[in-house]
Protein backbone atom coordinates (compact mmCIF):
# COMPACT_ATOMS: atom_id res chain seq x y z
CA MET A 1 57.63 -19.74 -11.92
CA ARG A 2 56.19 -22.04 -9.28
CA PHE A 3 56.78 -25.03 -11.56
CA ILE A 4 60.47 -24.16 -11.98
CA LEU A 5 60.93 -23.57 -8.25
CA GLY A 6 59.33 -26.92 -7.43
CA TRP A 7 61.59 -28.80 -9.83
CA THR A 8 64.62 -26.94 -8.51
CA PHE A 9 63.94 -28.22 -5.00
CA LYS A 10 63.26 -31.75 -6.24
CA LEU A 11 66.51 -31.85 -8.18
CA ALA A 12 68.45 -30.37 -5.26
CA PHE A 13 67.04 -33.06 -2.97
CA LEU A 14 68.02 -35.78 -5.44
CA GLY A 15 71.50 -34.24 -5.59
CA VAL A 16 71.81 -34.48 -1.81
CA ILE A 17 70.74 -38.12 -1.91
CA TYR A 18 73.23 -38.83 -4.70
CA LEU A 19 76.04 -37.25 -2.66
CA GLY A 20 75.02 -39.33 0.31
CA PHE A 21 75.32 -42.54 -1.67
CA THR A 22 78.50 -41.79 -3.57
CA SER A 23 80.67 -39.78 -1.24
CA GLY A 24 82.53 -40.53 1.94
CA PHE A 25 81.12 -37.64 3.93
CA HIS A 26 77.85 -37.73 5.81
CA VAL A 27 74.98 -35.56 4.72
CA LYS A 28 72.75 -34.20 7.47
CA LEU A 29 69.47 -32.67 6.38
CA PRO A 30 68.29 -29.59 8.27
CA GLU A 31 65.00 -29.77 10.13
CA THR A 32 63.47 -26.99 8.04
CA VAL A 33 64.12 -25.63 4.55
CA LEU A 34 62.74 -22.20 3.72
CA GLY A 35 60.22 -22.53 6.52
CA TYR A 36 59.02 -25.99 5.48
CA LYS A 37 59.61 -28.98 7.72
CA VAL A 38 61.70 -31.70 6.11
CA PRO A 39 59.77 -34.99 6.26
CA GLU A 40 61.03 -37.53 8.78
CA SER A 41 61.10 -40.19 6.06
CA ALA A 42 63.56 -38.11 4.02
CA GLN A 43 65.85 -37.68 7.04
CA GLN A 44 65.72 -41.41 7.77
CA PHE A 45 66.50 -42.22 4.14
CA VAL A 46 69.61 -40.02 4.17
CA ASP A 47 70.72 -41.50 7.51
CA ARG A 48 70.32 -45.05 6.19
CA SER A 49 72.27 -44.25 3.04
CA ALA A 50 75.08 -42.83 5.18
CA LYS A 51 75.15 -46.05 7.21
CA ILE A 52 75.31 -48.10 4.01
CA THR A 53 78.27 -46.00 2.89
CA ASP A 54 79.98 -46.63 6.23
CA TYR A 55 79.44 -50.38 5.94
CA GLY A 56 80.86 -50.32 2.42
CA GLN A 57 83.96 -48.44 3.58
CA GLN A 58 84.47 -50.86 6.48
CA THR A 59 84.14 -53.84 4.16
CA GLN A 60 86.55 -52.35 1.65
CA ASN A 61 89.11 -51.62 4.38
CA GLY A 62 88.73 -55.17 5.69
CA PHE A 63 89.43 -56.64 2.26
CA LYS A 64 92.46 -54.36 1.87
CA ASN A 65 93.82 -55.60 5.19
CA ILE A 66 93.26 -59.22 4.17
CA ALA A 67 94.98 -58.62 0.81
CA ALA A 68 97.91 -56.92 2.54
CA GLY A 69 98.23 -59.88 4.90
CA LEU A 70 98.35 -62.35 2.03
CA LYS A 71 101.17 -60.55 0.23
């Protein structure tokens, strides 16, 4: 049972990271999950991935504006 519970949390965490990379909304990790403190490195990783997503959106919008100006 402990093995299954451990893998469930690992897969859920990977799912959150995947959503952070692929979606337009920002994922904010809570400070604690089921009484356990979320590591600072995991929070920083999610924050950085959200910033990368923002930069990608800004770049894409900039290219769309340039393309619209050339038409």
